[in-house]
């Protein structure tokens, strides 16, 4: 369990023990989008479509890891959760509604501010922090989530080390990221960005990471990756959980 105490105000607590993993240009890119992050028809519309799919996986992973009541509306009651690369809080708020004491960290101050304002308006007590996750003295957390983030960081191994340092003993980590395949290049970079479904410049295909690579990086920091689940797209189903990993995938990680 963490000693973190949530608050809807943004804050920062820095230490220079860890190397920088944030690319300033990436933080600036997402900071520009902060103003309409919560608009389901705005620049983050694709995230709004993706979020329910990710939440289904997150809820199932929580139930499996802690063996809780699958009917409970607050499966994270009494637990702490940290969402890294939280944006404006699309995942933090559902985690808070599941009963967790939630902290969100984002590289862009604009996002942390937008998240705090939205949480306050929603009556949720969530602490948001802007900056490097490795520079925050915020204790450890039962649940650490990091969705669609690792493809944007400069040093993936160092970043995963920073995430692992925030994971409490017996805790659960959940990560999702695009796979580096021909399909992701065509659909995510050349397709979705060209059609305006995702803001241009959001993705750099060379930075995508395969499940095998992610598994190796997690092993290097003492974590074992679970079997990956794909997030696929189909004309009839839209975005959905799948055994097909070619586009995007989501995984759990726990102490080896």
Foldseek 3Di string as FASTA:
>chain_A
DWPFAFALDEDAFFDPPADAWADVVLLVVLLVVLVCCVPCPDQVVVVVVCLVQVVVVVLVVLCVLVVDDSPQQQSQAPFAEEEEQCFLNSPVVSNVSSHHAYEYEHQHPSRSVNNSVVCVVVVGGGYYYHNQLLTGPGGAGQEYEYEAHLLRIRDNLSNLLSSVRRHDASHKYKYKHWALDPVQCVPVQVNCCVVSVHPHPNGDSVSGHHPVRVQVSQVVNQKGKDDKWAFDADPVPGTHTHNDNNTMIMIMIHGD
